[in-house]
Amino acid sequence: MGNSIVQRNNVKVLGNGSQTIIFAHGFGSDQTAWRPQVASFSSDFRIVLFDHVGAGKSDFSAYSPRRYSSLYSYAEDLLDLCAELKLTKTILVGHSVSGMVSLLAALVEPDCFSQLFFIDASPRYLNDAGYYGGFEQSDLDALYESMSSNYYAWASGFAPIAMATQDRPELAREFANTLTAIRPDIAQAVAKMIFQSDHRAELPRLTVPTVILQASDDIAVPPEVGQYMADKIPFSKLLNIDAKGHLPHISAPDVVTSAIASCLST
């Protein structure tokens, strides 16, 4: 079984240190997104990288729409990885959907984690009574329609908006490349599963200390969402970082790295 998990999720272990940091990527991305952070932390920490099934160089044959119909399956994969590598008390840095994936994993096996970092994560994208998530259902339906009519055109249009760095088009191209590396059917199913999910009820149950890093001008996660999570998660703190867009670890890597480092030392 062991080797199959490593292959399934394209697991890489590198760096030196007694403490382990797991970096978990968001939708449309893969483990290569963490290059700047790996470079910064690998001299002092053991680093674990992986690709969610359906992304990067994961085993695409392991993907099934039925298995991955909720974030709980991705949380199971993360716990499989921790069990396989015998990881406890790790620091987990989760971008976007991996924030909620790590939250669900930490509710099942809190001892796997000593600290969680959420980078532009959201428990719910849809607006609700008394809750601003940033999207109406009609917005999401239009997004799904756009993805299904021409996935590659959608990806090349979405990437620059998500990255929000018009002055550096090469960053949007990099994100477009990882988006288009995903099979369109998988991308559409996963996007729908993420955008229709609601994990607000789980936030107050999280016992692992959590740092919420929130960028500005994020198409997917408005600042109200970061504040909402900080209000609901018991041992949490919110850091509004000086970075724009939904992928600040790529667009403003030094800002994200120093924010993580400052919270690790406390």
C-alpha atoms as a PDB file:
ATOM      1  CA  MET A   1       0.000   0.000   0.000  1.00  0.00           C
ATOM      2  CA  GLY A   2       2.732   2.422   1.049  1.00  0.00           C
ATOM      3  CA  ASN A   3       4.371   2.932  -2.284  1.00  0.00           C
ATOM      4  CA  SER A   4       0.972   3.351  -3.884  1.00  0.00           C
ATOM      5  CA  ILE A   5       0.236   6.432  -1.746  1.00  0.00           C
ATOM      6  CA  VAL A   6       3.573   7.956  -2.678  1.00  0.00           C
ATOM      7  CA  GLN A   7       2.850   7.344  -6.362  1.00  0.00           C
ATOM      8  CA  ARG A   8      -0.833   8.256  -6.167  1.00  0.00           C
ATOM      9  CA  ASN A   9      -0.048  11.702  -4.756  1.00  0.00           C
ATOM     10  CA  ASN A  10       3.430  12.144  -6.294  1.00  0.00           C
ATOM     11  CA  VAL A  11       4.863  12.640  -2.795  1.00  0.00           C
ATOM     12  CA  LYS A  12       8.273  14.310  -2.445  1.00  0.00           C
ATOM     13  CA  VAL A  13      10.225  14.634   0.805  1.00  0.00           C
ATOM     14  CA  LEU A  14      13.203  16.983   1.015  1.00  0.00           C
ATOM     15  CA  GLY A  15      15.044  19.352   3.310  1.00  0.00           C
ATOM     16  CA  ASN A  16      16.556  18.955   6.748  1.00  0.00           C
ATOM     17  CA  GLY A  17      15.080  19.461  10.152  1.00  0.00           C
ATOM     18  CA  SER A  18      13.290  17.769  13.007  1.00  0.00           C
ATOM     19  CA  GLN A  19      10.066  19.658  12.254  1.00  0.00           C
ATOM     20  CA  THR A  20       8.067  18.896   9.097  1.00  0.00           C
ATOM     21  CA  ILE A  21       6.139  21.359   6.942  1.00  0.00           C
ATOM     22  CA  ILE A  22       3.565  19.927   4.528  1.00  0.00           C
ATOM     23  CA  PHE A  23       2.709  22.249   1.638  1.00  0.00           C
ATOM     24  CA  ALA A  24      -0.719  21.552   0.119  1.00  0.00           C
ATOM     25  CA  HIS A  25      -1.676  23.243  -3.171  1.00  0.00           C
ATOM     26  CA  GLY A  26      -5.005  24.707  -4.279  1.00  0.00           C
ATOM     27  CA  PHE A  27      -7.281  24.012  -7.230  1.00  0.00           C
ATOM     28  CA  GLY A  28      -5.680  24.359 -10.643  1.00  0.00           C
ATOM     29  CA  SER A  29      -2.216  24.274  -9.150  1.00  0.00           C
ATOM     30  CA  ASP A  30       0.273  21.590  -8.115  1.00  0.00           C
ATOM     31  CA  GLN A  31       3.257  21.184  -5.802  1.00  0.00           C
ATOM     32  CA  THR A  32       5.549  23.243  -8.074  1.00  0.00           C
ATOM     33  CA  ALA A  33       3.686  26.365  -6.869  1.00  0.00           C
ATOM     34  CA  TRP A  34       5.665  26.149  -3.620  1.00  0.00           C
ATOM     35  CA  ARG A  35       9.149  26.537  -5.146  1.00  0.00           C
ATOM     36  CA  PRO A  36       9.938  29.849  -3.406  1.00  0.00           C
ATOM     37  CA  GLN A  37       8.791  28.583   0.002  1.00  0.00           C
ATOM     38  CA  VAL A  38      10.669  25.304  -0.400  1.00  0.00           C
ATOM     39  CA  ALA A  39      13.830  27.256  -1.166  1.00  0.00           C
ATOM     40  CA  SER A  40      13.343  29.350   1.972  1.00  0.00           C
ATOM     41  CA  PHE A  41      12.415  26.622   4.454  1.00  0.00           C
ATOM     42  CA  SER A  42      14.250  23.485   3.305  1.00  0.00           C
ATOM     43  CA  SER A  43      17.478  24.290   5.168  1.00  0.00           C
ATOM     44  CA  ASP A  44      15.707  24.284   8.553  1.00  0.00           C
ATOM     45  CA  PHE A  45      12.682  22.043   7.999  1.00  0.00           C
ATOM     46  CA  ARG A  46      11.798  18.727   6.469  1.00  0.00           C
ATOM     47  CA  ILE A  47       9.448  19.494   3.586  1.00  0.00           C
ATOM     48  CA  VAL A  48       6.665  17.266   2.274  1.00  0.00           C
ATOM     49  CA  LEU A  49       5.133  18.079  -1.114  1.00  0.00           C
ATOM     50  CA  PHE A  50       2.333  16.256  -2.908  1.00  0.00           C
ATOM     51  CA  ASP A  51      -0.218  16.623  -5.696  1.00  0.00           C
ATOM     52  CA  HIS A  52      -3.908  16.095  -5.034  1.00  0.00           C
ATOM     53  CA  VAL A  53      -5.346  13.275  -7.155  1.00  0.00           C
ATOM     54  CA  GLY A  54      -6.271  14.757 -10.534  1.00  0.00           C
ATOM     55  CA  ALA A  55      -3.579  17.452 -10.374  1.00  0.00           C
ATOM     56  CA  GLY A  56       0.085  17.729 -11.319  1.00  0.00           C
ATOM     57  CA  LYS A  57       1.841  14.379 -11.633  1.00  0.00           C
ATOM     58  CA  SER A  58      -0.601  12.484  -9.426  1.00  0.00           C
ATOM     59  CA  ASP A  59      -1.983   9.152 -10.596  1.00  0.00           C
ATOM     60  CA  PHE A  60      -4.967  10.275 -12.684  1.00  0.00           C
ATOM     61  CA  SER A  61      -6.289   6.712 -12.761  1.00  0.00           C
ATOM     62  CA  ALA A  62      -6.908   7.028  -8.997  1.00  0.00           C
ATOM     63  CA  TYR A  63      -9.479   9.737  -9.683  1.00  0.00           C
ATOM     64  CA  SER A  64     -13.162   8.901  -9.730  1.00  0.00           C
ATOM     65  CA  PRO A  65     -15.985  11.454  -9.523  1.00  0.00           C
ATOM     66  CA  ARG A  66     -17.717   9.299  -6.933  1.00  0.00           C
ATOM     67  CA  ARG A  67     -14.717   8.989  -4.612  1.00  0.00           C
ATOM     68  CA  TYR A  68     -13.817  12.668  -4.913  1.00  0.00           C
ATOM     69  CA  SER A  69     -17.336  14.001  -4.561  1.00  0.00           C
ATOM     70  CA  SER A  70     -16.438  15.890  -1.368  1.00  0.00           C
ATOM     71  CA  LEU A  71     -13.410  17.373   0.381  1.00  0.00           C
ATOM     72  CA  TYR A  72     -13.477  14.515   2.903  1.00  0.00           C
ATOM     73  CA  SER A  73     -11.799  12.211   0.362  1.00  0.00           C
ATOM     74  CA  TYR A  74      -8.922  14.663  -0.074  1.00  0.00           C
ATOM     75  CA  ALA A  75      -8.649  14.862   3.723  1.00  0.00           C
ATOM     76  CA  GLU A  76      -8.416  11.038   3.815  1.00  0.00           C
ATOM     77  CA  ASP A  77      -5.615  11.184   1.250  1.00  0.00           C
ATOM     78  CA  LEU A  78      -3.761  13.694   3.415  1.00  0.00           C
ATOM     79  CA  LEU A  79      -4.125  11.462   6.471  1.00  0.00           C
ATOM     80  CA  ASP A  80      -2.963   8.452   4.428  1.00  0.00           C
ATOM     81  CA  LEU A  81       0.147  10.438   3.568  1.00  0.00           C
ATOM     82  CA  CYS A  82       0.746  11.348   7.231  1.00  0.00           C
ATOM     83  CA  ALA A  83       0.341   7.699   8.259  1.00  0.00           C
ATOM     84  CA  GLU A  84       2.637   6.474   5.496  1.00  0.00           C
ATOM     85  CA  LEU A  85       5.411   8.935   6.431  1.00  0.00           C
ATOM     86  CA  LYS A  86       4.672   8.548  10.162  1.00  0.00           C
ATOM     87  CA  LEU A  87       4.105  12.282  10.531  1.00  0.00           C
ATOM     88  CA  THR A  88       2.860  13.861  13.746  1.00  0.00           C
ATOM     89  CA  LYS A  89       2.769  17.478  14.919  1.00  0.00           C
ATOM     90  CA  THR A  90       3.476  18.787  11.435  1.00  0.00           C
ATOM     91  CA  ILE A  91       2.978  22.332  10.229  1.00  0.00           C
ATOM     92  CA  LEU A  92       0.595  22.352   7.303  1.00  0.00           C
ATOM     93  CA  VAL A  93       0.439  25.227   4.835  1.00  0.00           C
ATOM     94  CA  GLY A  94      -2.703  24.894   2.733  1.00  0.00           C
ATOM     95  CA  HIS A  95      -3.592  27.124  -0.190  1.00  0.00           C
ATOM     96  CA  SER A  96      -7.238  27.720  -1.089  1.00  0.00           C
ATOM     97  CA  VAL A  97      -9.173  24.418  -1.021  1.00  0.00           C
ATOM     98  CA  SER A  98      -6.325  22.756   0.911  1.00  0.00           C
ATOM     99  CA  GLY A  99      -7.218  24.983   3.847  1.00  0.00           C
ATOM    100  CA  MET A 100     -10.529  23.191   4.275  1.00  0.00           C
ATOM    101  CA  VAL A 101      -8.957  19.829   3.386  1.00  0.00           C
ATOM    102  CA  SER A 102      -6.455  20.253   6.228  1.00  0.00           C
ATOM    103  CA  LEU A 103      -9.209  21.426   8.588  1.00  0.00           C
ATOM    104  CA  LEU A 104     -11.212  18.252   7.913  1.00  0.00           C
ATOM    105  CA  ALA A 105      -8.080  16.124   8.359  1.00  0.00           C
ATOM    106  CA  ALA A 106      -7.256  17.878  11.639  1.00  0.00           C
ATOM    107  CA  LEU A 107     -10.754  17.183  12.977  1.00  0.00           C
ATOM    108  CA  VAL A 108     -10.167  13.445  12.447  1.00  0.00           C
ATOM    109  CA  GLU A 109      -6.493  13.245  13.514  1.00  0.00           C
ATOM    110  CA  PRO A 110      -5.533  16.433  15.383  1.00  0.00           C
ATOM    111  CA  ASP A 111      -2.199  14.907  16.463  1.00  0.00           C
ATOM    112  CA  CYS A 112      -0.978  14.970  12.874  1.00  0.00           C
ATOM    113  CA  PHE A 113      -0.716  18.763  13.044  1.00  0.00           C
ATOM    114  CA  SER A 114       0.770  21.310  15.412  1.00  0.00           C
ATOM    115  CA  GLN A 115      -0.184  24.354  13.351  1.00  0.00           C
ATOM    116  CA  LEU A 116      -2.226  25.116  10.231  1.00  0.00           C
ATOM    117  CA  PHE A 117      -1.776  27.968   7.786  1.00  0.00           C
ATOM    118  CA  PHE A 118      -4.646  28.876   5.462  1.00  0.00           C
ATOM    119  CA  ILE A 119      -3.662  30.953   2.433  1.00  0.00           C
ATOM    120  CA  ASP A 120      -6.749  32.509   0.812  1.00  0.00           C
ATOM    121  CA  ALA A 121      -8.990  29.671   1.994  1.00  0.00           C
ATOM    122  CA  SER A 122     -12.790  29.734   2.240  1.00  0.00           C
ATOM    123  CA  PRO A 123     -15.330  27.571   4.075  1.00  0.00           C
ATOM    124  CA  ARG A 124     -18.107  28.612   1.678  1.00  0.00           C
ATOM    125  CA  TYR A 125     -18.037  30.531  -1.617  1.00  0.00           C
ATOM    126  CA  LEU A 126     -21.772  31.118  -1.956  1.00  0.00           C
ATOM    127  CA  ASN A 127     -23.402  34.069  -0.252  1.00  0.00           C
ATOM    128  CA  ASP A 128     -25.928  33.144   2.406  1.00  0.00           C
ATOM    129  CA  ALA A 129     -28.155  34.950   4.913  1.00  0.00           C
ATOM    130  CA  GLY A 130     -25.718  36.887   7.114  1.00  0.00           C
ATOM    131  CA  TYR A 131     -22.708  35.536   5.223  1.00  0.00           C
ATOM    132  CA  TYR A 132     -20.740  37.027   2.339  1.00  0.00           C
ATOM    133  CA  GLY A 133     -18.786  34.413   0.408  1.00  0.00           C
ATOM    134  CA  GLY A 134     -18.393  36.428  -2.784  1.00  0.00           C
ATOM    135  CA  PHE A 135     -20.617  34.466  -5.188  1.00  0.00           C
ATOM    136  CA  GLU A 136     -24.264  34.091  -6.112  1.00  0.00           C
ATOM    137  CA  GLN A 137     -25.359  30.737  -7.563  1.00  0.00           C
ATOM    138  CA  SER A 138     -25.844  32.433 -10.936  1.00  0.00           C
ATOM    139  CA  ASP A 139     -22.154  33.500 -10.884  1.00  0.00           C
ATOM    140  CA  LEU A 140     -21.085  29.903 -10.285  1.00  0.00           C
ATOM    141  CA  ASP A 141     -23.448  28.495 -12.919  1.00  0.00           C
ATOM    142  CA  ALA A 142     -21.907  30.894 -15.439  1.00  0.00           C
ATOM    143  CA  LEU A 143     -18.432  29.755 -14.369  1.00  0.00           C
ATOM    144  CA  TYR A 144     -19.332  26.067 -14.876  1.00  0.00           C
ATOM    145  CA  GLU A 145     -20.890  26.843 -18.241  1.00  0.00           C
ATOM    146  CA  SER A 146     -17.766  28.680 -19.328  1.00  0.00           C
ATOM    147  CA  MET A 147     -15.554  25.788 -18.184  1.00  0.00           C
ATOM    148  CA  SER A 148     -17.631  23.196 -20.023  1.00  0.00           C
ATOM    149  CA  SER A 149     -18.003  25.086 -23.298  1.00  0.00           C
ATOM    150  CA  ASN A 150     -14.264  25.620 -23.825  1.00  0.00           C
ATOM    151  CA  TYR A 151     -12.076  24.628 -20.882  1.00  0.00           C
ATOM    152  CA  TYR A 152      -8.803  25.843 -22.402  1.00  0.00           C
ATOM    153  CA  ALA A 153     -10.214  29.258 -23.287  1.00  0.00           C
ATOM    154  CA  TRP A 154     -11.685  29.496 -19.794  1.00  0.00           C
ATOM    155  CA  ALA A 155      -8.330  28.621 -18.175  1.00  0.00           C
ATOM    156  CA  SER A 156      -6.394  31.201 -20.171  1.00  0.00           C
ATOM    157  CA  GLY A 157      -8.965  33.858 -19.233  1.00  0.00           C
ATOM    158  CA  PHE A 158      -9.294  32.882 -15.586  1.00  0.00           C
ATOM    159  CA  ALA A 159      -5.573  32.614 -14.803  1.00  0.00           C
ATOM    160  CA  PRO A 160      -4.712  36.343 -15.145  1.00  0.00           C
ATOM    161  CA  ILE A 161      -7.769  37.360 -13.093  1.00  0.00           C
ATOM    162  CA  ALA A 162      -6.906  34.894 -10.328  1.00  0.00           C
ATOM    163  CA  MET A 163      -3.225  35.867 -10.313  1.00  0.00           C
ATOM    164  CA  ALA A 164      -4.008  39.617 -10.380  1.00  0.00           C
ATOM    165  CA  THR A 165      -0.497  40.596 -11.487  1.00  0.00           C
ATOM    166  CA  GLN A 166      -1.021  42.296 -14.846  1.00  0.00           C
ATOM    167  CA  ASP A 167       2.567  43.568 -14.747  1.00  0.00           C
ATOM    168  CA  ARG A 168       3.916  39.989 -14.736  1.00  0.00           C
ATOM    169  CA  PRO A 169       2.020  37.992 -17.367  1.00  0.00           C
ATOM    170  CA  GLU A 170       4.453  35.069 -17.015  1.00  0.00           C
ATOM    171  CA  LEU A 171       2.869  34.247 -13.624  1.00  0.00           C
ATOM    172  CA  ALA A 172      -0.597  33.994 -15.159  1.00  0.00           C
ATOM    173  CA  ARG A 173       0.857  31.784 -17.893  1.00  0.00           C
ATOM    174  CA  GLU A 174       2.360  29.473 -15.282  1.00  0.00           C
ATOM    175  CA  PHE A 175      -1.033  29.130 -13.566  1.00  0.00           C
ATOM    176  CA  ALA A 176      -2.781  28.632 -16.920  1.00  0.00           C
ATOM    177  CA  ASN A 177      -0.305  25.818 -17.653  1.00  0.00           C
ATOM    178  CA  THR A 178      -1.086  23.923 -14.442  1.00  0.00           C
ATOM    179  CA  LEU A 179      -4.820  24.509 -14.981  1.00  0.00           C
ATOM    180  CA  THR A 180      -4.721  23.104 -18.501  1.00  0.00           C
ATOM    181  CA  ALA A 181      -2.672  20.106 -17.335  1.00  0.00           C
ATOM    182  CA  ILE A 182      -5.809  18.917 -15.533  1.00  0.00           C
ATOM    183  CA  ARG A 183      -8.228  16.797 -17.536  1.00  0.00           C
ATOM    184  CA  PRO A 184     -11.184  19.082 -18.304  1.00  0.00           C
ATOM    185  CA  ASP A 185     -13.737  16.622 -16.938  1.00  0.00           C
ATOM    186  CA  ILE A 186     -11.817  16.374 -13.651  1.00  0.00           C
ATOM    187  CA  ALA A 187     -11.346  20.153 -13.441  1.00  0.00           C
ATOM    188  CA  GLN A 188     -15.069  20.789 -13.908  1.00  0.00           C
ATOM    189  CA  ALA A 189     -16.125  18.156 -11.370  1.00  0.00           C
ATOM    190  CA  VAL A 190     -13.603  19.362  -8.781  1.00  0.00           C
ATOM    191  CA  ALA A 191     -14.417  23.059  -9.302  1.00  0.00           C
ATOM    192  CA  LYS A 192     -18.127  22.353  -8.810  1.00  0.00           C
ATOM    193  CA  MET A 193     -17.467  20.237  -5.714  1.00  0.00           C
ATOM    194  CA  ILE A 194     -15.308  23.002  -4.192  1.00  0.00           C
ATOM    195  CA  PHE A 195     -17.550  25.932  -5.043  1.00  0.00           C
ATOM    196  CA  GLN A 196     -20.721  24.205  -3.790  1.00  0.00           C
ATOM    197  CA  SER A 197     -19.130  23.039  -0.524  1.00  0.00           C
ATOM    198  CA  ASP A 198     -19.973  24.481   2.873  1.00  0.00           C
ATOM    199  CA  HIS A 199     -17.693  23.797   5.840  1.00  0.00           C
ATOM    200  CA  ARG A 200     -18.702  26.689   8.072  1.00  0.00           C
ATOM    201  CA  ALA A 201     -20.111  24.330  10.727  1.00  0.00           C
ATOM    202  CA  GLU A 202     -16.723  22.621  11.155  1.00  0.00           C
ATOM    203  CA  LEU A 203     -14.732  25.793  11.876  1.00  0.00           C
ATOM    204  CA  PRO A 204     -15.552  26.044  15.622  1.00  0.00           C
ATOM    205  CA  ARG A 205     -14.514  22.397  16.144  1.00  0.00           C
ATOM    206  CA  LEU A 206     -10.924  22.970  15.013  1.00  0.00           C
ATOM    207  CA  THR A 207      -8.504  22.682  17.947  1.00  0.00           C
ATOM    208  CA  VAL A 208      -5.214  23.087  16.057  1.00  0.00           C
ATOM    209  CA  PRO A 209      -3.781  26.652  16.163  1.00  0.00           C
ATOM    210  CA  THR A 210      -4.433  28.287  12.798  1.00  0.00           C
ATOM    211  CA  VAL A 211      -3.007  31.293  10.984  1.00  0.00           C
ATOM    212  CA  ILE A 212      -5.202  32.797   8.247  1.00  0.00           C
ATOM    213  CA  LEU A 213      -3.253  34.639   5.549  1.00  0.00           C
ATOM    214  CA  GLN A 214      -5.543  36.841   3.471  1.00  0.00           C
ATOM    215  CA  ALA A 215      -4.482  38.709   0.333  1.00  0.00           C
ATOM    216  CA  SER A 216      -6.421  41.593  -1.225  1.00  0.00           C
ATOM    217  CA  ASP A 217      -8.129  41.682  -4.652  1.00  0.00           C
ATOM    218  CA  ASP A 218      -8.786  37.942  -4.482  1.00  0.00           C
ATOM    219  CA  ILE A 219     -11.424  36.954  -7.058  1.00  0.00           C
ATOM    220  CA  ALA A 220     -12.326  33.812  -5.091  1.00  0.00           C
ATOM    221  CA  VAL A 221     -12.063  34.878  -1.448  1.00  0.00           C
ATOM    222  CA  PRO A 222     -13.150  38.351  -0.294  1.00  0.00           C
ATOM    223  CA  PRO A 223     -11.577  39.764   2.911  1.00  0.00           C
ATOM    224  CA  GLU A 224     -14.836  39.213   4.793  1.00  0.00           C
ATOM    225  CA  VAL A 225     -14.231  35.458   4.526  1.00  0.00           C
ATOM    226  CA  GLY A 226     -10.852  35.671   6.250  1.00  0.00           C
ATOM    227  CA  GLN A 227     -12.430  37.683   9.063  1.00  0.00           C
ATOM    228  CA  TYR A 228     -15.321  35.199   9.320  1.00  0.00           C
ATOM    229  CA  MET A 229     -12.918  32.272   9.768  1.00  0.00           C
ATOM    230  CA  ALA A 230     -10.871  34.179  12.345  1.00  0.00           C
ATOM    231  CA  ASP A 231     -14.093  34.818  14.295  1.00  0.00           C
ATOM    232  CA  LYS A 232     -15.162  31.149  14.177  1.00  0.00           C
ATOM    233  CA  ILE A 233     -11.915  29.182  14.616  1.00  0.00           C
ATOM    234  CA  PRO A 234     -10.996  29.106  18.331  1.00  0.00           C
ATOM    235  CA  PHE A 235      -7.180  29.296  18.185  1.00  0.00           C
ATOM    236  CA  SER A 236      -6.722  31.450  15.130  1.00  0.00           C
ATOM    237  CA  LYS A 237      -5.234  34.714  14.014  1.00  0.00           C
ATOM    238  CA  LEU A 238      -5.814  36.651  10.822  1.00  0.00           C
ATOM    239  CA  LEU A 239      -2.979  38.293   8.931  1.00  0.00           C
ATOM    240  CA  ASN A 240      -3.995  40.572   6.071  1.00  0.00           C
ATOM    241  CA  ILE A 241      -0.892  40.373   3.902  1.00  0.00           C
ATOM    242  CA  ASP A 242       0.456  42.915   1.437  1.00  0.00           C
ATOM    243  CA  ALA A 243      -0.236  40.820  -1.651  1.00  0.00           C
ATOM    244  CA  LYS A 244      -2.875  40.744  -4.373  1.00  0.00           C
ATOM    245  CA  GLY A 245      -4.773  37.921  -6.003  1.00  0.00           C
ATOM    246  CA  HIS A 246      -5.666  34.344  -5.165  1.00  0.00           C
ATOM    247  CA  LEU A 247      -2.130  32.897  -5.413  1.00  0.00           C
ATOM    248  CA  PRO A 248       0.036  35.188  -3.249  1.00  0.00           C
ATOM    249  CA  HIS A 249       2.582  32.425  -2.571  1.00  0.00           C
ATOM    250  CA  ILE A 250       3.416  32.681  -6.291  1.00  0.00           C
ATOM    251  CA  SER A 251       2.814  36.392  -6.925  1.00  0.00           C
ATOM    252  CA  ALA A 252       4.330  37.716  -3.676  1.00  0.00           C
ATOM    253  CA  PRO A 253       6.398  34.790  -2.387  1.00  0.00           C
ATOM    254  CA  ASP A 254       8.593  36.833  -0.033  1.00  0.00           C
ATOM    255  CA  VAL A 255       5.534  38.319   1.679  1.00  0.00           C
ATOM    256  CA  VAL A 256       3.983  34.892   2.225  1.00  0.00           C
ATOM    257  CA  THR A 257       7.262  33.283   3.294  1.00  0.00           C
ATOM    258  CA  SER A 258       8.029  35.974   5.860  1.00  0.00           C
ATOM    259  CA  ALA A 259       4.446  35.852   7.195  1.00  0.00           C
ATOM    260  CA  ILE A 260       4.761  32.082   7.716  1.00  0.00           C
ATOM    261  CA  ALA A 261       8.227  32.427   9.237  1.00  0.00           C
ATOM    262  CA  SER A 262       7.074  35.120  11.687  1.00  0.00           C
ATOM    263  CA  CYS A 263       4.278  32.864  12.970  1.00  0.00           C
ATOM    264  CA  LEU A 264       6.501  29.797  13.218  1.00  0.00           C
ATOM    265  CA  SER A 265       8.903  31.535  15.547  1.00  0.00           C
ATOM    266  CA  THR A 266       6.200  32.541  18.019  1.00  0.00           C
END
